[in-house]
Amino acid sequence: MRAKTKEELAKRDDKWLEEEIPGAGMTNFYGWFHVMEHQSSHLGQILLLQKRIKPEEKAEEIIPSETIKN
């Protein structure tokens, strides 16, 4: 998805960024700024959670039911 986004944005120039999005009351620049701001906020939240969650010492082994003998 990231590659496709970069590919599509590469097709647009600065003039496109200044265009207003019909019915939204904002420009393309304003819209994409908020997309990036939103993503960076979530990345910060994810990194914070990763630091706070202790890694499990050893994951419990799961045995498929067909290998268990009665």
PDB file of N, CA and C in Angstrom:
ATOM      1  N   MET A   1       0.824  -1.185   0.000  1.00  0.00           N
ATOM      2  CA  MET A   1       0.000   0.000   0.000  1.00  0.00           C
ATOM      3  C   MET A   1       0.875   1.258   0.000  1.00  0.00           C
ATOM      4  N   ARG A   2       1.954   1.201   0.764  1.00  0.00           N
ATOM      5  CA  ARG A   2       2.852   2.355   0.825  1.00  0.00           C
ATOM      6  C   ARG A   2       3.460   2.658  -0.542  1.00  0.00           C
ATOM      7  N   ALA A   3       3.870   1.615  -1.254  1.00  0.00           N
ATOM      8  CA  ALA A   3       4.460   1.801  -2.587  1.00  0.00           C
ATOM      9  C   ALA A   3       3.445   2.412  -3.547  1.00  0.00           C
ATOM     10  N   LYS A   4       2.202   1.953  -3.478  1.00  0.00           N
ATOM     11  CA  LYS A   4       1.144   2.484  -4.352  1.00  0.00           C
ATOM     12  C   LYS A   4       0.876   3.955  -4.020  1.00  0.00           C
ATOM     13  N   THR A   5       0.854   4.287  -2.733  1.00  0.00           N
ATOM     14  CA  THR A   5       0.641   5.684  -2.315  1.00  0.00           C
ATOM     15  C   THR A   5       1.753   6.572  -2.852  1.00  0.00           C
ATOM     16  N   LYS A   6       3.002   6.132  -2.694  1.00  0.00           N
ATOM     17  CA  LYS A   6       4.132   6.918  -3.193  1.00  0.00           C
ATOM     18  C   LYS A   6       4.067   7.076  -4.711  1.00  0.00           C
ATOM     19  N   GLU A   7       3.676   6.009  -5.385  1.00  0.00           N
ATOM     20  CA  GLU A   7       3.544   6.052  -6.846  1.00  0.00           C
ATOM     21  C   GLU A   7       2.494   7.082  -7.268  1.00  0.00           C
ATOM     22  N   GLU A   8       1.358   7.076  -6.602  1.00  0.00           N
ATOM     23  CA  GLU A   8       0.279   8.013  -6.945  1.00  0.00           C
ATOM     24  C   GLU A   8       0.651   9.451  -6.591  1.00  0.00           C
ATOM     25  N   LEU A   9       1.267   9.671  -5.436  1.00  0.00           N
ATOM     26  CA  LEU A   9       1.659  11.033  -5.061  1.00  0.00           C
ATOM     27  C   LEU A   9       2.733  11.587  -5.987  1.00  0.00           C
ATOM     28  N   ALA A  10       3.585  10.716  -6.531  1.00  0.00           N
ATOM     29  CA  ALA A  10       4.630  11.158  -7.461  1.00  0.00           C
ATOM     30  C   ALA A  10       4.039  11.725  -8.751  1.00  0.00           C
ATOM     31  N   LYS A  11       2.808  11.342  -9.065  1.00  0.00           N
ATOM     32  CA  LYS A  11       2.138  11.835 -10.269  1.00  0.00           C
ATOM     33  C   LYS A  11       1.590  13.249 -10.085  1.00  0.00           C
ATOM     34  N   ARG A  12       1.581  13.749  -8.876  1.00  0.00           N
ATOM     35  CA  ARG A  12       0.971  15.050  -8.591  1.00  0.00           C
ATOM     36  C   ARG A  12       2.032  16.099  -8.284  1.00  0.00           C
ATOM     37  N   ASP A  13       1.721  17.357  -8.604  1.00  0.00           N
ATOM     38  CA  ASP A  13       2.663  18.446  -8.363  1.00  0.00           C
ATOM     39  C   ASP A  13       2.165  19.350  -7.233  1.00  0.00           C
ATOM     40  N   ASP A  14       2.911  20.413  -6.988  1.00  0.00           N
ATOM     41  CA  ASP A  14       2.541  21.347  -5.919  1.00  0.00           C
ATOM     42  C   ASP A  14       1.200  22.019  -6.183  1.00  0.00           C
ATOM     43  N   LYS A  15       0.889  22.223  -7.432  1.00  0.00           N
ATOM     44  CA  LYS A  15      -0.394  22.833  -7.784  1.00  0.00           C
ATOM     45  C   LYS A  15      -1.550  21.959  -7.285  1.00  0.00           C
ATOM     46  N   TRP A  16      -1.397  20.640  -7.425  1.00  0.00           N
ATOM     47  CA  TRP A  16      -2.423  19.700  -6.946  1.00  0.00           C
ATOM     48  C   TRP A  16      -2.608  19.823  -5.435  1.00  0.00           C
ATOM     49  N   LEU A  17      -1.506  20.018  -4.708  1.00  0.00           N
ATOM     50  CA  LEU A  17      -1.602  20.157  -3.250  1.00  0.00           C
ATOM     51  C   LEU A  17      -2.447  21.365  -2.846  1.00  0.00           C
ATOM     52  N   GLU A  18      -2.442  22.397  -3.686  1.00  0.00           N
ATOM     53  CA  GLU A  18      -3.192  23.622  -3.381  1.00  0.00           C
ATOM     54  C   GLU A  18      -4.678  23.516  -3.725  1.00  0.00           C
ATOM     55  N   GLU A  19      -5.055  22.509  -4.505  1.00  0.00           N
ATOM     56  CA  GLU A  19      -6.457  22.364  -4.909  1.00  0.00           C
ATOM     57  C   GLU A  19      -7.338  21.983  -3.721  1.00  0.00           C
ATOM     58  N   GLU A  20      -8.542  22.564  -3.706  1.00  0.00           N
ATOM     59  CA  GLU A  20      -9.494  22.219  -2.652  1.00  0.00           C
ATOM     60  C   GLU A  20     -10.203  20.915  -2.976  1.00  0.00           C
ATOM     61  N   ILE A  21     -10.464  20.122  -1.951  1.00  0.00           N
ATOM     62  CA  ILE A  21     -11.212  18.879  -2.097  1.00  0.00           C
ATOM     63  C   ILE A  21     -12.690  19.273  -2.097  1.00  0.00           C
ATOM     64  N   PRO A  22     -13.416  18.959  -3.174  1.00  0.00           N
ATOM     65  CA  PRO A  22     -14.825  19.369  -3.274  1.00  0.00           C
ATOM     66  C   PRO A  22     -15.656  18.877  -2.076  1.00  0.00           C
ATOM     67  N   GLY A  23     -16.356  19.811  -1.460  1.00  0.00           N
ATOM     68  CA  GLY A  23     -17.244  19.490  -0.347  1.00  0.00           C
ATOM     69  C   GLY A  23     -16.560  19.278   0.988  1.00  0.00           C
ATOM     70  N   ALA A  24     -15.224  19.308   1.017  1.00  0.00           N
ATOM     71  CA  ALA A  24     -14.506  19.047   2.268  1.00  0.00           C
ATOM     72  C   ALA A  24     -14.038  20.322   2.958  1.00  0.00           C
ATOM     73  N   GLY A  25     -13.957  21.410   2.196  1.00  0.00           N
ATOM     74  CA  GLY A  25     -13.488  22.665   2.789  1.00  0.00           C
ATOM     75  C   GLY A  25     -12.017  22.649   3.167  1.00  0.00           C
ATOM     76  N   MET A  26     -11.221  21.826   2.478  1.00  0.00           N
ATOM     77  CA  MET A  26      -9.786  21.786   2.743  1.00  0.00           C
ATOM     78  C   MET A  26      -9.035  21.478   1.458  1.00  0.00           C
ATOM     79  N   THR A  27      -7.746  21.763   1.466  1.00  0.00           N
ATOM     80  CA  THR A  27      -6.911  21.480   0.297  1.00  0.00           C
ATOM     81  C   THR A  27      -6.350  20.064   0.397  1.00  0.00           C
ATOM     82  N   ASN A  28      -5.801  19.583  -0.712  1.00  0.00           N
ATOM     83  CA  ASN A  28      -5.145  18.277  -0.706  1.00  0.00           C
ATOM     84  C   ASN A  28      -3.961  18.272   0.258  1.00  0.00           C
ATOM     85  N   PHE A  29      -3.244  19.384   0.338  1.00  0.00           N
ATOM     86  CA  PHE A  29      -2.123  19.475   1.268  1.00  0.00           C
ATOM     87  C   PHE A  29      -2.602  19.276   2.700  1.00  0.00           C
ATOM     88  N   TYR A  30      -3.662  19.979   3.076  1.00  0.00           N
ATOM     89  CA  TYR A  30      -4.211  19.881   4.421  1.00  0.00           C
ATOM     90  C   TYR A  30      -4.640  18.444   4.711  1.00  0.00           C
ATOM     91  N   GLY A  31      -5.298  17.802   3.740  1.00  0.00           N
ATOM     92  CA  GLY A  31      -5.746  16.422   3.911  1.00  0.00           C
ATOM     93  C   GLY A  31      -4.586  15.464   4.117  1.00  0.00           C
ATOM     94  N   TRP A  32      -3.553  15.564   3.262  1.00  0.00           N
ATOM     95  CA  TRP A  32      -2.415  14.657   3.383  1.00  0.00           C
ATOM     96  C   TRP A  32      -1.575  14.953   4.609  1.00  0.00           C
ATOM     97  N   PHE A  33      -1.501  16.211   5.027  1.00  0.00           N
ATOM     98  CA  PHE A  33      -0.796  16.537   6.265  1.00  0.00           C
ATOM     99  C   PHE A  33      -1.438  15.787   7.427  1.00  0.00           C
ATOM    100  N   HIS A  34      -2.753  15.776   7.475  1.00  0.00           N
ATOM    101  CA  HIS A  34      -3.449  15.103   8.571  1.00  0.00           C
ATOM    102  C   HIS A  34      -3.348  13.583   8.478  1.00  0.00           C
ATOM    103  N   VAL A  35      -3.256  13.035   7.274  1.00  0.00           N
ATOM    104  CA  VAL A  35      -3.027  11.590   7.128  1.00  0.00           C
ATOM    105  C   VAL A  35      -1.678  11.228   7.764  1.00  0.00           C
ATOM    106  N   MET A  36      -0.636  11.982   7.433  1.00  0.00           N
ATOM    107  CA  MET A  36       0.699  11.701   7.968  1.00  0.00           C
ATOM    108  C   MET A  36       0.759  11.946   9.477  1.00  0.00           C
ATOM    109  N   GLU A  37       0.112  13.009   9.934  1.00  0.00           N
ATOM    110  CA  GLU A  37       0.075  13.316  11.365  1.00  0.00           C
ATOM    111  C   GLU A  37      -0.618  12.186  12.132  1.00  0.00           C
ATOM    112  N   HIS A  38      -1.702  11.684  11.576  1.00  0.00           N
ATOM    113  CA  HIS A  38      -2.459  10.607  12.207  1.00  0.00           C
ATOM    114  C   HIS A  38      -1.613   9.337  12.293  1.00  0.00           C
ATOM    115  N   GLN A  39      -0.917   9.013  11.213  1.00  0.00           N
ATOM    116  CA  GLN A  39      -0.090   7.811  11.212  1.00  0.00           C
ATOM    117  C   GLN A  39       1.051   7.934  12.220  1.00  0.00           C
ATOM    118  N   SER A  40       1.693   9.083  12.292  1.00  0.00           N
ATOM    119  CA  SER A  40       2.808   9.239  13.222  1.00  0.00           C
ATOM    120  C   SER A  40       2.330   9.163  14.666  1.00  0.00           C
ATOM    121  N   SER A  41       1.123   9.626  14.920  1.00  0.00           N
ATOM    122  CA  SER A  41       0.551   9.521  16.261  1.00  0.00           C
ATOM    123  C   SER A  41       0.366   8.056  16.645  1.00  0.00           C
ATOM    124  N   HIS A  42      -0.172   7.253  15.726  1.00  0.00           N
ATOM    125  CA  HIS A  42      -0.360   5.828  16.004  1.00  0.00           C
ATOM    126  C   HIS A  42       0.972   5.118  16.171  1.00  0.00           C
ATOM    127  N   LEU A  43       1.975   5.487  15.386  1.00  0.00           N
ATOM    128  CA  LEU A  43       3.288   4.874  15.518  1.00  0.00           C
ATOM    129  C   LEU A  43       3.849   5.154  16.906  1.00  0.00           C
ATOM    130  N   GLY A  44       3.688   6.372  17.383  1.00  0.00           N
ATOM    131  CA  GLY A  44       4.139   6.714  18.738  1.00  0.00           C
ATOM    132  C   GLY A  44       3.427   5.883  19.795  1.00  0.00           C
ATOM    133  N   GLN A  45       2.128   5.675  19.620  1.00  0.00           N
ATOM    134  CA  GLN A  45       1.367   4.857  20.568  1.00  0.00           C
ATOM    135  C   GLN A  45       1.865   3.415  20.550  1.00  0.00           C
ATOM    136  N   ILE A  46       2.122   2.883  19.369  1.00  0.00           N
ATOM    137  CA  ILE A  46       2.604   1.501  19.244  1.00  0.00           C
ATOM    138  C   ILE A  46       3.964   1.346  19.912  1.00  0.00           C
ATOM    139  N   LEU A  47       4.871   2.292  19.673  1.00  0.00           N
ATOM    140  CA  LEU A  47       6.197   2.220  20.268  1.00  0.00           C
ATOM    141  C   LEU A  47       6.129   2.303  21.793  1.00  0.00           C
ATOM    142  N   LEU A  48       5.240   3.151  22.307  1.00  0.00           N
ATOM    143  CA  LEU A  48       5.057   3.260  23.756  1.00  0.00           C
ATOM    144  C   LEU A  48       4.580   1.931  24.334  1.00  0.00           C
ATOM    145  N   LEU A  49       3.600   1.313  23.692  1.00  0.00           N
ATOM    146  CA  LEU A  49       3.077   0.030  24.176  1.00  0.00           C
ATOM    147  C   LEU A  49       4.140  -1.066  24.109  1.00  0.00           C
ATOM    148  N   GLN A  50       4.931  -1.073  23.054  1.00  0.00           N
ATOM    149  CA  GLN A  50       5.982  -2.081  22.939  1.00  0.00           C
ATOM    150  C   GLN A  50       6.982  -1.976  24.083  1.00  0.00           C
ATOM    151  N   LYS A  51       7.282  -0.773  24.525  1.00  0.00           N
ATOM    152  CA  LYS A  51       8.226  -0.573  25.623  1.00  0.00           C
ATOM    153  C   LYS A  51       7.630  -0.998  26.963  1.00  0.00           C
ATOM    154  N   ARG A  52       6.315  -0.887  27.105  1.00  0.00           N
ATOM    155  CA  ARG A  52       5.660  -1.179  28.379  1.00  0.00           C
ATOM    156  C   ARG A  52       5.288  -2.647  28.559  1.00  0.00           C
ATOM    157  N   ILE A  53       5.127  -3.389  27.469  1.00  0.00           N
ATOM    158  CA  ILE A  53       4.724  -4.790  27.563  1.00  0.00           C
ATOM    159  C   ILE A  53       5.969  -5.654  27.733  1.00  0.00           C
ATOM    160  N   LYS A  54       5.980  -6.444  28.805  1.00  0.00           N
ATOM    161  CA  LYS A  54       7.115  -7.326  29.053  1.00  0.00           C
ATOM    162  C   LYS A  54       7.045  -8.515  28.095  1.00  0.00           C
ATOM    163  N   PRO A  55       8.172  -8.889  27.523  1.00  0.00           N
ATOM    164  CA  PRO A  55       8.156 -10.058  26.635  1.00  0.00           C
ATOM    165  C   PRO A  55       7.875 -11.322  27.449  1.00  0.00           C
ATOM    166  N   GLU A  56       7.153 -12.236  26.869  1.00  0.00           N
ATOM    167  CA  GLU A  56       6.866 -13.492  27.555  1.00  0.00           C
ATOM    168  C   GLU A  56       8.153 -14.294  27.655  1.00  0.00           C
ATOM    169  N   GLU A  57       8.322 -14.963  28.800  1.00  0.00           N
ATOM    170  CA  GLU A  57       9.546 -15.739  28.984  1.00  0.00           C
ATOM    171  C   GLU A  57       9.601 -16.907  28.013  1.00  0.00           C
ATOM    172  N   LYS A  58       8.513 -17.632  27.893  1.00  0.00           N
ATOM    173  CA  LYS A  58       8.465 -18.745  26.950  1.00  0.00           C
ATOM    174  C   LYS A  58       7.011 -18.939  26.541  1.00  0.00           C
ATOM    175  N   ALA A  59       6.774 -18.937  25.254  1.00  0.00           N
ATOM    176  CA  ALA A  59       5.419 -19.142  24.760  1.00  0.00           C
ATOM    177  C   ALA A  59       5.003 -20.586  25.005  1.00  0.00           C
ATOM    178  N   GLU A  60       3.758 -20.777  25.392  1.00  0.00           N
ATOM    179  CA  GLU A  60       3.232 -22.126  25.617  1.00  0.00           C
ATOM    180  C   GLU A  60       3.143 -22.854  24.285  1.00  0.00           C
ATOM    181  N   GLU A  61       3.619 -24.089  24.273  1.00  0.00           N
ATOM    182  CA  GLU A  61       3.585 -24.871  23.042  1.00  0.00           C
ATOM    183  C   GLU A  61       2.169 -25.366  22.781  1.00  0.00           C
ATOM    184  N   ILE A  62       1.690 -25.147  21.573  1.00  0.00           N
ATOM    185  CA  ILE A  62       0.353 -25.585  21.186  1.00  0.00           C
ATOM    186  C   ILE A  62       0.494 -26.835  20.333  1.00  0.00           C
ATOM    187  N   ILE A  63      -0.183 -27.901  20.768  1.00  0.00           N
ATOM    188  CA  ILE A  63      -0.106 -29.170  20.056  1.00  0.00           C
ATOM    189  C   ILE A  63      -1.388 -29.350  19.248  1.00  0.00           C
ATOM    190  N   PRO A  64      -1.268 -29.564  17.926  1.00  0.00           N
ATOM    191  CA  PRO A  64      -2.471 -29.788  17.114  1.00  0.00           C
ATOM    192  C   PRO A  64      -3.245 -30.998  17.628  1.00  0.00           C
ATOM    193  N   SER A  65      -4.574 -30.892  17.646  1.00  0.00           N
ATOM    194  CA  SER A  65      -5.419 -31.938  18.217  1.00  0.00           C
ATOM    195  C   SER A  65      -5.255 -33.287  17.535  1.00  0.00           C
ATOM    196  N   GLU A  66      -4.931 -33.316  16.247  1.00  0.00           N
ATOM    197  CA  GLU A  66      -4.810 -34.610  15.556  1.00  0.00           C
ATOM    198  C   GLU A  66      -3.560 -35.392  15.992  1.00  0.00           C
ATOM    199  N   THR A  67      -2.605 -34.738  16.667  1.00  0.00           N
ATOM    200  CA  THR A  67      -1.406 -35.457  17.123  1.00  0.00           C
ATOM    201  C   THR A  67      -1.557 -35.985  18.540  1.00  0.00           C
ATOM    202  N   ILE A  68      -2.625 -35.623  19.232  1.00  0.00           N
ATOM    203  CA  ILE A  68      -2.839 -36.090  20.610  1.00  0.00           C
ATOM    204  C   ILE A  68      -3.525 -37.438  20.565  1.00  0.00           C
ATOM    205  N   LYS A  69      -2.914 -38.408  21.250  1.00  0.00           N
ATOM    206  CA  LYS A  69      -3.492 -39.766  21.299  1.00  0.00           C
ATOM    207  C   LYS A  69      -4.288 -39.922  22.578  1.00  0.00           C
ATOM    208  N   ASN A  70      -5.425 -40.598  22.470  1.00  0.00           N
ATOM    209  CA  ASN A  70      -6.295 -40.828  23.637  1.00  0.00           C
ATOM    210  C   ASN A  70      -5.804 -41.976  24.471  1.00  0.00           C
TER     211      ASN A  70
END
